[in-house]
Amino acid sequence: QVQLVESGGGLVQAGGSLRLSCAGSGRTFSRYYMGWFRQAPGKEREFVAIIGWSGTTTYYVDSVKGRFTISRDSAKNTVYLQMISLKPEDTAVYYCAAGSRWSSRTSDFDYWGQGTQVTVSS
């Protein structure tokens, strides 16, 4: 069992930055692939980024490449999403998730956090 708690969301102007954190519990946390997803009002939840066990392998959706960076600190059981050059279209609730597959599909992730709101004003 893994429990995930996100933090770090907020209101920021376009062009600004935020760093999201996802604190995980459970001894097996380091064995999971960790992903970030987001869901804007009226839209489906979409994949943002994923990171492998060691933290050296990452993958991003095209719309955030070069602006978002996913990382993990296994000693702290925490995954981060550093976001720069934020745009109004990045506004969404951001969720972290843990899964056993290298995947961008929500159905492949077993554990989810409660989400943190990110709002980017123009």
C-alpha atoms as a PDB file:
ATOM      1  CA  GLN A   1       0.000   0.000   0.000  1.00  0.00           C
ATOM      2  CA  VAL A   2       1.275   3.435  -0.935  1.00  0.00           C
ATOM      3  CA  GLN A   3      -0.201   6.739   0.172  1.00  0.00           C
ATOM      4  CA  LEU A   4       0.608   9.906  -1.741  1.00  0.00           C
ATOM      5  CA  VAL A   5       0.196  13.518  -0.666  1.00  0.00           C
ATOM      6  CA  GLU A   6       0.807  16.396  -3.066  1.00  0.00           C
ATOM      7  CA  SER A   7       1.699  19.950  -2.111  1.00  0.00           C
ATOM      8  CA  GLY A   8       3.093  23.103  -3.661  1.00  0.00           C
ATOM      9  CA  GLY A   9       0.240  24.231  -5.862  1.00  0.00           C
ATOM     10  CA  GLY A  10      -0.982  27.792  -5.979  1.00  0.00           C
ATOM     11  CA  LEU A  11      -1.698  30.872  -8.060  1.00  0.00           C
ATOM     12  CA  VAL A  12       1.073  32.183 -10.295  1.00  0.00           C
ATOM     13  CA  GLN A  13       1.312  34.624 -13.177  1.00  0.00           C
ATOM     14  CA  ALA A  14       2.099  33.447 -16.680  1.00  0.00           C
ATOM     15  CA  GLY A  15       5.840  32.964 -17.041  1.00  0.00           C
ATOM     16  CA  GLY A  16       6.232  32.108 -13.382  1.00  0.00           C
ATOM     17  CA  SER A  17       7.396  28.930 -11.672  1.00  0.00           C
ATOM     18  CA  LEU A  18       6.153  26.422  -9.140  1.00  0.00           C
ATOM     19  CA  ARG A  19       7.529  23.227  -7.655  1.00  0.00           C
ATOM     20  CA  LEU A  20       5.111  20.485  -6.756  1.00  0.00           C
ATOM     21  CA  SER A  21       5.997  17.807  -4.241  1.00  0.00           C
ATOM     22  CA  CYS A  22       4.514  14.367  -3.737  1.00  0.00           C
ATOM     23  CA  ALA A  23       5.347  12.651  -0.468  1.00  0.00           C
ATOM     24  CA  GLY A  24       4.892   8.904  -0.430  1.00  0.00           C
ATOM     25  CA  SER A  25       4.593   6.425   2.367  1.00  0.00           C
ATOM     26  CA  GLY A  26       5.355   2.729   2.370  1.00  0.00           C
ATOM     27  CA  ARG A  27       8.545   0.725   2.213  1.00  0.00           C
ATOM     28  CA  THR A  28       8.019  -0.191  -1.438  1.00  0.00           C
ATOM     29  CA  PHE A  29       7.756   3.390  -2.678  1.00  0.00           C
ATOM     30  CA  SER A  30      11.088   3.218  -4.491  1.00  0.00           C
ATOM     31  CA  ARG A  31       9.899   0.230  -6.539  1.00  0.00           C
ATOM     32  CA  TYR A  32       7.193   2.197  -8.302  1.00  0.00           C
ATOM     33  CA  TYR A  33       7.279   4.272 -11.419  1.00  0.00           C
ATOM     34  CA  MET A  34       6.009   7.699 -10.449  1.00  0.00           C
ATOM     35  CA  GLY A  35       3.920   9.903 -12.662  1.00  0.00           C
ATOM     36  CA  TRP A  36       2.349  13.328 -12.679  1.00  0.00           C
ATOM     37  CA  PHE A  37      -1.027  13.892 -14.289  1.00  0.00           C
ATOM     38  CA  ARG A  38      -3.307  16.901 -14.509  1.00  0.00           C
ATOM     39  CA  GLN A  39      -6.987  17.554 -14.997  1.00  0.00           C
ATOM     40  CA  ALA A  40      -8.453  20.851 -16.140  1.00  0.00           C
ATOM     41  CA  PRO A  41     -12.154  21.673 -15.618  1.00  0.00           C
ATOM     42  CA  GLY A  42     -14.331  19.794 -18.078  1.00  0.00           C
ATOM     43  CA  LYS A  43     -11.422  17.773 -19.438  1.00  0.00           C
ATOM     44  CA  GLU A  44     -10.098  14.279 -18.940  1.00  0.00           C
ATOM     45  CA  ARG A  45      -7.117  13.622 -16.743  1.00  0.00           C
ATOM     46  CA  GLU A  46      -3.976  13.767 -18.859  1.00  0.00           C
ATOM     47  CA  PHE A  47      -0.455  12.470 -18.509  1.00  0.00           C
ATOM     48  CA  VAL A  48       2.298  15.004 -17.790  1.00  0.00           C
ATOM     49  CA  ALA A  49       5.484  13.129 -16.865  1.00  0.00           C
ATOM     50  CA  ILE A  50       6.885   9.874 -15.537  1.00  0.00           C
ATOM     51  CA  ILE A  51      10.110   8.896 -13.804  1.00  0.00           C
ATOM     52  CA  GLY A  52      11.745   5.512 -13.353  1.00  0.00           C
ATOM     53  CA  TRP A  53      12.936   3.763 -10.230  1.00  0.00           C
ATOM     54  CA  SER A  54      16.431   5.191 -10.223  1.00  0.00           C
ATOM     55  CA  GLY A  55      15.353   8.662 -11.244  1.00  0.00           C
ATOM     56  CA  THR A  56      17.530   8.690 -14.352  1.00  0.00           C
ATOM     57  CA  THR A  57      14.813   7.857 -16.880  1.00  0.00           C
ATOM     58  CA  THR A  58      12.061  10.356 -17.556  1.00  0.00           C
ATOM     59  CA  TYR A  59       9.428  11.050 -20.177  1.00  0.00           C
ATOM     60  CA  TYR A  60       7.185  14.053 -20.773  1.00  0.00           C
ATOM     61  CA  VAL A  61       4.146  14.977 -22.766  1.00  0.00           C
ATOM     62  CA  ASP A  62       5.173  17.248 -25.640  1.00  0.00           C
ATOM     63  CA  SER A  63       3.341  20.279 -24.283  1.00  0.00           C
ATOM     64  CA  VAL A  64       5.584  20.504 -21.193  1.00  0.00           C
ATOM     65  CA  LYS A  65       8.945  19.422 -22.605  1.00  0.00           C
ATOM     66  CA  GLY A  66      11.625  21.946 -21.814  1.00  0.00           C
ATOM     67  CA  ARG A  67       9.472  23.601 -19.138  1.00  0.00           C
ATOM     68  CA  PHE A  68       8.735  20.853 -16.594  1.00  0.00           C
ATOM     69  CA  THR A  69      11.222  18.595 -14.839  1.00  0.00           C
ATOM     70  CA  ILE A  70      10.287  15.504 -12.852  1.00  0.00           C
ATOM     71  CA  SER A  71      12.677  14.184 -10.215  1.00  0.00           C
ATOM     72  CA  ARG A  72      12.633  11.917  -7.186  1.00  0.00           C
ATOM     73  CA  ASP A  73      14.443  11.668  -3.889  1.00  0.00           C
ATOM     74  CA  SER A  74      14.213   8.065  -2.763  1.00  0.00           C
ATOM     75  CA  ALA A  75      15.690   8.822   0.639  1.00  0.00           C
ATOM     76  CA  LYS A  76      12.785  11.176   1.278  1.00  0.00           C
ATOM     77  CA  ASN A  77      10.175   9.108  -0.592  1.00  0.00           C
ATOM     78  CA  THR A  78       9.323  12.241  -2.533  1.00  0.00           C
ATOM     79  CA  VAL A  79       8.743  13.058  -6.170  1.00  0.00           C
ATOM     80  CA  TYR A  80       8.917  16.586  -7.533  1.00  0.00           C
ATOM     81  CA  LEU A  81       7.613  18.437 -10.545  1.00  0.00           C
ATOM     82  CA  GLN A  82       9.504  21.651 -11.234  1.00  0.00           C
ATOM     83  CA  MET A  83       7.492  23.868 -13.545  1.00  0.00           C
ATOM     84  CA  ILE A  84       8.857  26.990 -15.241  1.00  0.00           C
ATOM     85  CA  SER A  85       7.531  29.322 -17.932  1.00  0.00           C
ATOM     86  CA  LEU A  86       4.018  28.476 -16.862  1.00  0.00           C
ATOM     87  CA  LYS A  87       1.148  29.210 -19.226  1.00  0.00           C
ATOM     88  CA  PRO A  88      -2.568  29.719 -18.548  1.00  0.00           C
ATOM     89  CA  GLU A  89      -3.227  26.394 -20.282  1.00  0.00           C
ATOM     90  CA  ASP A  90      -1.228  24.679 -17.536  1.00  0.00           C
ATOM     91  CA  THR A  91      -4.041  25.500 -15.110  1.00  0.00           C
ATOM     92  CA  ALA A  92      -5.351  22.234 -13.644  1.00  0.00           C
ATOM     93  CA  VAL A  93      -5.433  20.005 -10.616  1.00  0.00           C
ATOM     94  CA  TYR A  94      -2.160  18.113 -10.584  1.00  0.00           C
ATOM     95  CA  TYR A  95      -2.005  14.542  -9.294  1.00  0.00           C
ATOM     96  CA  CYS A  96       0.908  12.271  -8.585  1.00  0.00           C
ATOM     97  CA  ALA A  97       0.516   8.552  -9.036  1.00  0.00           C
ATOM     98  CA  ALA A  98       2.455   5.343  -8.457  1.00  0.00           C
ATOM     99  CA  GLY A  99       2.388   2.424 -10.839  1.00  0.00           C
ATOM    100  CA  SER A 100       4.132  -0.807 -11.755  1.00  0.00           C
ATOM    101  CA  ARG A 101       4.346  -0.100 -15.500  1.00  0.00           C
ATOM    102  CA  TRP A 102       6.223   2.429 -17.588  1.00  0.00           C
ATOM    103  CA  SER A 103       3.090   4.015 -18.999  1.00  0.00           C
ATOM    104  CA  SER A 104       1.239   7.255 -19.694  1.00  0.00           C
ATOM    105  CA  ARG A 105      -2.195   5.712 -19.128  1.00  0.00           C
ATOM    106  CA  THR A 106      -4.099   6.516 -15.964  1.00  0.00           C
ATOM    107  CA  SER A 107      -5.341   2.919 -15.787  1.00  0.00           C
ATOM    108  CA  ASP A 108      -1.768   1.667 -15.312  1.00  0.00           C
ATOM    109  CA  PHE A 109      -1.285   3.588 -12.073  1.00  0.00           C
ATOM    110  CA  ASP A 110      -2.396   1.955  -8.856  1.00  0.00           C
ATOM    111  CA  TYR A 111      -2.145   4.725  -6.270  1.00  0.00           C
ATOM    112  CA  TRP A 112      -3.122   8.380  -6.499  1.00  0.00           C
ATOM    113  CA  GLY A 113      -2.787  11.471  -4.390  1.00  0.00           C
ATOM    114  CA  GLN A 114      -5.623  13.879  -3.684  1.00  0.00           C
ATOM    115  CA  GLY A 115      -4.344  16.525  -6.091  1.00  0.00           C
ATOM    116  CA  THR A 116      -3.095  20.091  -5.792  1.00  0.00           C
ATOM    117  CA  GLN A 117      -4.507  23.070  -7.690  1.00  0.00           C
ATOM    118  CA  VAL A 118      -2.273  25.056 -10.024  1.00  0.00           C
ATOM    119  CA  THR A 119      -3.727  28.252 -11.454  1.00  0.00           C
ATOM    120  CA  VAL A 120      -1.804  30.345 -13.967  1.00  0.00           C
ATOM    121  CA  SER A 121      -3.163  33.817 -14.614  1.00  0.00           C
ATOM    122  CA  SER A 122      -2.582  35.669 -17.875  1.00  0.00           C
END
